[in-house]
Amino acid sequence: MKKHILVVPGDGIGAEVTAVGKQVLEVIAQKFGHEFSYDEALIGHVAIEATGSPLPAETLAKMKEADAILFGAVGHPKYDNDPSAKVRPEQGLLQMRKELGLYANLRPIKLFDELLDASSIKPEILRGADILFFRELTGDVYFGKRERIDEGNTAYDTMIYSKYEVERIVRKAFEAARTRSKKLCSVDKANVLESSRLWREVVQSLAPEYPDVTVEHQFVDAMAMLLIKDPKRYDVVVTGNLFGDILTDEASQIAGSMGMLASASVGDSTGVYEPIHGSAHDITGKGVANPLASVLCVALLLDISFGLKAEAQTVIDAVDAILKAGFRTRDIANSTTPADKILGTDAMGEQILQRLNA
């Protein structure tokens, strides 16, 4: 198989973790006889510094030509501490999603048994948890009308959804539920928000087309509590952009760390594969970032964009093997982890490569 992959490291630790992800792709290509070509492009703070734009036209053109995109992270404290900044790294991320039509964000919350003790949640509550989130990605308050009024003393952001936007993400969730345990939980705030009432109406209207799938509706505040109290009750979850952003970050505690969670942003063309962690400038350049989320992004990329399920499983098995061998980065280590088993970014990457080459 011949495929072209665009690597977009972005900001902060993005460059460190995507470097490991690319190495994994290179080994997989060699091991299974594929031919992967690569290019790189700028986005976010590094793009603003270089070009003045968080998503340069050259980057967008490269994205549209790629078969898949391995993404790092976007963000910088400079902008977090300056709410008045007109140009921001995250604008590049939002524009990318719009331009590429990436309306569905898939976030698997898969717990490796070896990391039961890495979470702050009791192991008996976690064991067996396996959730697939579908987060809508191109609507909601992130894209609705926003404005400062009253001489800047009042601000508003509009939570807005159209029926077709809800329908396309919900259909993807229903289809996924059919391949798993045939359970779908739709999360909204329909007791308060009109956009949520539209969301719930669409889910209810589509449900008869999937009679084999059991549908549960849940308010987002209840979900936030039950996700931690009883994560095993959930299988496929579908929700809006804002709620999904918050809930999946909360769900990172099920997996033990944000450094373990991959995501796939897909639509009808090029897919983007991105760890859910941020740019983490507090550890940038220290060589301690966990690269396993980027490695698991590679597995998603191989599976979803290229249909290479055996190759994807090989990557997942390599991650499982190094965890079983006791290797950890510091974010998933605990007080009983031997010092010689706590690895930095490159050393953890090397362990993965050794397993893949075995």
Protein backbone atom coordinates (compact mmCIF):
# COMPACT_ATOMS: atom_id res chain seq x y z
CA MET A 1 0.00 0.00 0.00
CA LYS A 2 1.23 3.49 -0.89
CA LYS A 3 0.05 6.39 1.27
CA HIS A 4 1.12 9.98 1.96
CA ILE A 5 1.08 11.13 5.59
CA LEU A 6 1.38 14.73 6.73
CA VAL A 7 3.05 15.19 10.13
CA VAL A 8 1.92 18.39 11.88
CA PRO A 9 3.84 18.62 15.19
CA GLY A 10 2.33 21.94 16.26
CA ASP A 11 3.35 23.43 19.59
CA GLY A 12 5.05 22.37 22.81
CA ILE A 13 5.48 18.63 23.27
CA GLY A 14 3.73 18.03 19.93
CA ALA A 15 7.07 17.81 18.14
CA GLU A 16 8.45 15.35 20.70
CA VAL A 17 5.56 12.88 20.64
CA THR A 18 4.87 12.99 16.88
CA ALA A 19 8.53 12.16 16.25
CA VAL A 20 7.92 8.85 18.04
CA GLY A 21 4.65 8.32 16.16
CA LYS A 22 6.39 8.80 12.83
CA GLN A 23 9.08 6.28 13.79
CA VAL A 24 6.34 3.75 14.54
CA LEU A 25 4.79 4.36 11.12
CA GLU A 26 8.17 3.81 9.46
CA VAL A 27 8.66 0.47 11.24
CA ILE A 28 5.13 -0.67 10.41
CA ALA A 29 5.65 0.20 6.74
CA GLN A 30 8.85 -1.81 6.63
CA LYS A 31 7.44 -4.74 8.60
CA PHE A 32 4.29 -5.10 6.47
CA GLY A 33 5.64 -4.03 3.09
CA HIS A 34 3.90 -0.65 2.76
CA GLU A 35 5.27 2.54 1.26
CA PHE A 36 4.52 5.62 3.34
CA SER A 37 5.78 9.04 2.28
CA TYR A 38 5.86 12.04 4.62
CA ASP A 39 5.80 15.81 4.72
CA GLU A 40 5.60 18.32 7.59
CA ALA A 41 3.67 21.56 8.09
CA LEU A 42 3.17 24.33 10.65
CA ILE A 43 0.10 25.14 12.75
CA GLY A 44 -0.62 27.06 15.94
CA HIS A 45 1.88 29.25 17.79
CA VAL A 46 4.86 28.13 15.71
CA ALA A 47 2.92 29.03 12.56
CA ILE A 48 2.00 32.46 13.94
CA GLU A 49 5.64 33.12 14.77
CA ALA A 50 6.76 32.06 11.30
CA THR A 51 3.97 33.40 9.09
CA GLY A 52 1.56 35.49 11.18
CA SER A 53 -1.22 32.94 10.63
CA PRO A 54 -2.21 30.02 12.91
CA LEU A 55 -3.08 27.98 9.78
CA PRO A 56 -0.99 29.08 6.79
CA ALA A 57 -2.39 28.49 3.31
CA GLU A 58 0.54 26.17 2.55
CA THR A 59 -0.33 23.98 5.54
CA LEU A 60 -3.98 23.75 4.55
CA ALA A 61 -3.05 22.81 0.98
CA LYS A 62 -0.77 20.04 2.27
CA MET A 63 -3.52 18.80 4.56
CA LYS A 64 -5.98 18.50 1.70
CA GLU A 65 -3.48 16.49 -0.35
CA ALA A 66 -2.57 14.03 2.44
CA ASP A 67 -4.09 10.58 2.93
CA ALA A 68 -3.92 11.08 6.70
CA ILE A 69 -2.54 13.60 9.19
CA LEU A 70 -0.53 12.77 12.32
CA PHE A 71 -1.05 15.76 14.61
CA GLY A 72 0.72 16.97 17.73
CA ALA A 73 -0.75 19.78 19.83
CA VAL A 74 -1.70 23.45 19.63
CA GLY A 75 -1.39 26.16 22.26
CA HIS A 76 0.97 28.50 24.12
CA PRO A 77 0.82 30.21 27.54
CA LYS A 78 1.49 33.56 25.84
CA TYR A 79 -2.09 33.54 24.54
CA ASP A 80 -3.67 31.92 27.59
CA ASN A 81 -2.51 34.92 29.61
CA ASP A 82 -3.66 37.49 27.06
CA PRO A 83 -7.43 37.25 26.49
CA SER A 84 -7.26 40.29 24.19
CA ALA A 85 -5.04 38.59 21.59
CA LYS A 86 -6.76 38.71 18.20
CA VAL A 87 -4.72 35.92 16.62
CA ARG A 88 -4.55 32.70 18.65
CA PRO A 89 -3.11 29.20 18.02
CA GLU A 90 -6.48 27.52 18.60
CA GLN A 91 -7.96 29.46 15.67
CA GLY A 92 -5.81 27.30 13.40
CA LEU A 93 -7.24 24.15 14.94
CA LEU A 94 -10.84 25.29 14.52
CA GLN A 95 -10.22 26.45 10.95
CA MET A 96 -8.60 23.12 10.10
CA ARG A 97 -11.67 21.24 11.34
CA LYS A 98 -13.97 23.43 9.27
CA GLU A 99 -11.88 23.36 6.09
CA LEU A 100 -11.39 19.58 6.21
CA GLY A 101 -14.97 18.86 7.26
CA LEU A 102 -13.85 17.06 10.42
CA TYR A 103 -17.19 16.83 12.15
CA ALA A 104 -16.67 13.65 14.19
CA ASN A 105 -14.08 13.29 16.92
CA LEU A 106 -13.62 9.69 18.08
CA ARG A 107 -12.00 9.25 21.47
CA PRO A 108 -11.54 5.66 22.67
CA ILE A 109 -11.21 5.42 26.45
CA LYS A 110 -9.51 2.05 26.67
CA LEU A 111 -7.99 0.97 29.96
CA PHE A 112 -4.87 -1.17 29.93
CA ASP A 113 -5.06 -3.46 32.98
CA GLU A 114 -1.45 -2.67 33.83
CA LEU A 115 -2.46 0.96 34.46
CA LEU A 116 -5.26 0.28 36.93
CA ASP A 117 -3.14 1.80 39.68
CA ALA A 118 -2.23 4.88 37.61
CA SER A 119 -5.70 6.32 38.01
CA SER A 120 -7.01 8.06 41.10
CA ILE A 121 -10.17 5.93 40.75
CA LYS A 122 -10.42 2.57 42.54
CA PRO A 123 -9.29 -0.37 40.35
CA GLU A 124 -12.48 -2.35 41.01
CA ILE A 125 -14.51 0.50 39.50
CA LEU A 126 -12.25 0.82 36.46
CA ARG A 127 -11.51 -2.77 35.47
CA GLY A 128 -13.17 -3.59 32.16
CA ALA A 129 -14.02 0.00 31.21
CA ASP A 130 -14.01 0.50 27.43
CA ILE A 131 -15.82 3.60 26.11
CA LEU A 132 -15.90 5.11 22.64
CA PHE A 133 -16.83 8.80 22.62
CA PHE A 134 -18.21 10.56 19.55
CA ARG A 135 -17.78 14.30 20.02
CA GLU A 136 -19.32 16.61 17.41
CA LEU A 137 -16.56 18.88 16.21
CA THR A 138 -17.72 21.71 13.96
CA GLY A 139 -20.72 23.21 15.76
CA ASP A 140 -21.70 24.42 19.24
CA VAL A 141 -20.31 27.41 21.13
CA TYR A 142 -16.91 27.11 19.47
CA PHE A 143 -18.40 28.15 16.13
CA GLY A 144 -21.52 30.13 17.09
CA LYS A 145 -21.75 33.90 17.04
CA ARG A 146 -19.78 35.59 19.81
CA GLU A 147 -19.47 39.19 20.81
CA ARG A 148 -18.50 41.70 23.47
CA ILE A 149 -21.15 44.34 24.13
CA ASP A 150 -21.87 46.98 26.77
CA GLU A 151 -18.45 48.57 26.25
CA GLY A 152 -16.79 45.19 26.69
CA ASN A 153 -18.42 44.47 30.03
CA THR A 154 -20.75 41.77 28.69
CA ALA A 155 -19.86 38.83 26.45
CA TYR A 156 -21.79 36.00 24.86
CA ASP A 157 -21.11 32.83 22.87
CA THR A 158 -23.92 31.14 20.99
CA MET A 159 -24.52 27.40 21.30
CA ILE A 160 -25.93 26.58 17.88
CA TYR A 161 -26.69 23.36 16.02
CA SER A 162 -28.46 22.51 12.78
CA LYS A 163 -30.35 19.27 12.34
CA TYR A 164 -27.97 17.92 9.70
CA GLU A 165 -24.96 18.52 11.96
CA VAL A 166 -26.48 16.43 14.71
CA GLU A 167 -27.74 13.75 12.35
CA ARG A 168 -24.38 13.00 10.71
CA ILE A 169 -22.49 12.52 14.00
CA VAL A 170 -25.32 10.53 15.58
CA ARG A 171 -25.44 8.16 12.59
CA LYS A 172 -21.72 7.47 12.99
CA ALA A 173 -22.30 6.69 16.67
CA PHE A 174 -25.21 4.36 15.92
CA GLU A 175 -23.13 2.49 13.34
CA ALA A 176 -20.27 2.10 15.81
CA ALA A 177 -22.66 0.87 18.51
CA ARG A 178 -23.80 -1.88 16.15
CA THR A 179 -20.24 -3.22 16.00
CA ARG A 180 -19.80 -3.17 19.79
CA SER A 181 -22.30 -3.93 22.55
CA LYS A 182 -25.27 -2.27 20.80
CA LYS A 183 -25.64 0.42 23.48
CA LEU A 184 -25.64 4.15 22.77
CA CYS A 185 -25.75 6.96 25.32
CA SER A 186 -26.59 10.43 24.02
CA VAL A 187 -25.55 13.28 26.32
CA ASP A 188 -27.24 16.68 26.29
CA LYS A 189 -28.85 19.31 28.54
CA ALA A 190 -32.34 19.12 27.06
CA ASN A 191 -34.02 20.21 30.29
CA VAL A 192 -32.50 23.68 29.85
CA LEU A 193 -31.04 24.26 26.37
CA GLU A 194 -33.02 24.55 23.13
CA SER A 195 -30.07 23.29 21.09
CA SER A 196 -30.05 20.19 23.30
CA ARG A 197 -33.74 19.67 22.71
CA LEU A 198 -33.05 19.65 18.97
CA TRP A 199 -30.18 17.22 19.60
CA ARG A 200 -32.45 14.84 21.53
CA GLU A 201 -35.21 15.07 18.90
CA VAL A 202 -32.75 14.05 16.18
CA VAL A 203 -31.47 11.07 18.20
CA GLN A 204 -35.03 9.94 18.86
CA SER A 205 -35.96 10.30 15.18
CA LEU A 206 -33.01 8.16 14.06
CA ALA A 207 -33.38 5.45 16.72
CA PRO A 208 -36.06 3.46 14.81
CA GLU A 209 -33.54 2.95 11.99
CA TYR A 210 -31.32 1.10 14.46
CA PRO A 211 -33.76 -1.17 16.36
CA ASP A 212 -30.89 -3.39 17.50
CA VAL A 213 -29.27 -0.52 19.44
CA THR A 214 -30.51 0.45 22.91
CA VAL A 215 -30.52 4.23 23.36
CA GLU A 216 -30.11 6.06 26.66
CA HIS A 217 -30.41 9.84 27.05
CA GLN A 218 -28.48 11.51 29.83
CA PHE A 219 -28.03 15.07 31.04
CA VAL A 220 -24.41 16.17 30.95
CA ASP A 221 -24.21 16.98 34.65
CA ALA A 222 -25.42 13.48 35.59
CA MET A 223 -23.02 11.99 33.07
CA ALA A 224 -20.10 13.86 34.62
CA MET A 225 -20.85 12.14 37.93
CA LEU A 226 -21.67 8.66 36.62
CA LEU A 227 -18.66 8.56 34.30
CA ILE A 228 -16.43 8.43 37.37
CA LYS A 229 -18.80 6.48 39.59
CA ASP A 230 -19.56 3.66 37.13
CA PRO A 231 -17.62 3.94 33.84
CA LYS A 232 -18.39 0.34 32.85
CA ARG A 233 -22.06 1.24 32.26
CA TYR A 234 -21.06 3.11 29.08
CA ASP A 235 -20.02 1.79 25.70
CA VAL A 236 -20.63 4.27 22.85
CA VAL A 237 -21.33 7.87 23.87
CA VAL A 238 -22.32 10.70 21.52
CA THR A 239 -22.47 14.35 22.50
CA GLY A 240 -21.89 17.92 21.37
CA ASN A 241 -18.65 19.81 21.01
CA LEU A 242 -18.49 21.56 24.39
CA PHE A 243 -19.82 18.67 26.48
CA GLY A 244 -17.59 16.22 24.63
CA ASP A 245 -14.51 18.35 25.19
CA ILE A 246 -15.07 18.39 28.94
CA LEU A 247 -16.26 14.81 29.40
CA THR A 248 -13.42 13.20 27.47
CA ASP A 249 -10.84 15.14 29.47
CA GLU A 250 -12.58 13.87 32.61
CA ALA A 251 -12.51 10.36 31.15
CA SER A 252 -8.73 10.56 30.80
CA GLN A 253 -8.63 9.67 34.50
CA ILE A 254 -10.16 6.31 33.62
CA ALA A 255 -7.12 5.56 31.46
CA GLY A 256 -4.75 6.95 34.09
CA SER A 257 -3.43 9.93 32.15
CA MET A 258 -4.15 12.20 29.20
CA GLY A 259 -0.84 10.92 27.88
CA MET A 260 -2.53 7.60 27.10
CA LEU A 261 -5.48 8.84 25.03
CA ALA A 262 -5.59 9.11 21.26
CA SER A 263 -8.30 10.67 19.12
CA ALA A 264 -9.38 10.60 15.49
CA SER A 265 -11.07 13.58 13.85
CA VAL A 266 -12.84 12.39 10.72
CA GLY A 267 -15.42 13.50 8.20
CA ASP A 268 -15.70 12.65 4.56
CA SER A 269 -12.07 13.11 3.53
CA THR A 270 -8.66 13.32 5.27
CA GLY A 271 -8.56 12.14 8.90
CA VAL A 272 -6.54 13.85 11.63
CA TYR A 273 -5.06 11.76 14.45
CA GLU A 274 -4.22 13.67 17.60
CA PRO A 275 -3.45 12.93 21.27
CA ILE A 276 -6.04 14.57 23.51
CA HIS A 277 -3.37 16.16 25.70
CA GLY A 278 -2.34 19.75 25.07
CA SER A 279 0.98 21.37 24.24
CA ALA A 280 2.17 21.06 27.89
CA HIS A 281 4.77 23.83 27.77
CA ASP A 282 5.67 23.17 31.40
CA ILE A 283 7.45 19.99 30.30
CA THR A 284 8.40 20.94 26.73
CA GLY A 285 12.02 20.17 25.97
CA LYS A 286 12.54 18.12 29.13
CA GLY A 287 12.18 14.78 27.35
CA VAL A 288 9.59 13.44 29.78
CA ALA A 289 6.37 13.66 27.71
CA ASN A 290 4.43 10.42 27.32
CA PRO A 291 4.50 9.44 23.63
CA LEU A 292 2.04 6.55 23.97
CA ALA A 293 -1.02 8.62 23.00
CA SER A 294 0.73 9.53 19.74
CA VAL A 295 1.65 5.87 19.22
CA LEU A 296 -1.98 4.89 19.76
CA CYS A 297 -2.94 7.64 17.29
CA VAL A 298 -0.88 5.73 14.75
CA ALA A 299 -2.98 2.65 15.46
CA LEU A 300 -6.17 4.65 14.86
CA LEU A 301 -4.72 6.13 11.67
CA LEU A 302 -3.76 2.72 10.29
CA ASP A 303 -7.19 1.31 11.13
CA ILE A 304 -9.59 4.13 10.26
CA SER A 305 -7.89 5.89 7.33
CA PHE A 306 -6.05 2.95 5.75
CA GLY A 307 -8.14 -0.05 6.84
CA LEU A 308 -5.01 -1.84 8.10
CA LYS A 309 -6.49 -3.59 11.12
CA ALA A 310 -3.68 -6.12 11.61
CA GLU A 311 -1.07 -3.37 11.53
CA ALA A 312 -3.11 -1.29 13.99
CA GLN A 313 -3.42 -4.24 16.38
CA THR A 314 0.34 -4.81 16.16
CA VAL A 315 0.90 -1.27 17.44
CA ILE A 316 -1.61 -1.72 20.27
CA ASP A 317 0.00 -5.03 21.21
CA ALA A 318 3.41 -3.33 21.39
CA VAL A 319 2.04 -0.73 23.82
CA ASP A 320 0.44 -3.49 25.89
CA ALA A 321 3.72 -5.42 25.94
CA ILE A 322 5.85 -2.55 27.23
CA LEU A 323 3.27 -1.78 29.92
CA LYS A 324 3.21 -5.44 30.95
CA ALA A 325 7.02 -5.28 31.14
CA GLY A 326 6.63 -2.51 33.71
CA PHE A 327 7.87 0.44 31.69
CA ARG A 328 6.26 3.79 32.48
CA THR A 329 6.64 7.47 31.78
CA ARG A 330 6.39 9.60 34.89
CA ASP A 331 2.70 10.52 34.36
CA ILE A 332 1.64 6.86 34.61
CA ALA A 333 4.21 5.75 37.19
CA ASN A 334 3.41 5.34 40.87
CA SER A 335 5.34 5.03 44.10
CA THR A 336 6.10 1.35 43.51
CA THR A 337 7.49 1.78 39.98
CA PRO A 338 11.24 1.02 39.97
CA ALA A 339 13.33 4.03 39.00
CA ASP A 340 14.94 2.18 36.08
CA LYS A 341 11.48 1.50 34.62
CA ILE A 342 10.50 5.20 34.47
CA LEU A 343 11.47 6.32 30.99
CA GLY A 344 11.60 9.57 29.08
CA THR A 345 9.98 10.22 25.72
CA ASP A 346 12.72 8.83 23.49
CA ALA A 347 13.46 5.82 25.69
CA MET A 348 9.79 4.87 25.80
CA GLY A 349 9.66 5.23 22.03
CA GLU A 350 12.67 2.98 21.71
CA GLN A 351 10.94 0.29 23.78
CA ILE A 352 7.96 0.41 21.40
CA LEU A 353 10.22 0.17 18.35
CA GLN A 354 12.07 -2.82 19.84
CA ARG A 355 8.75 -4.65 20.37
CA LEU A 356 7.64 -3.88 16.81
CA ASN A 357 10.95 -5.10 15.39
CA ALA A 358 10.97 -8.28 17.47
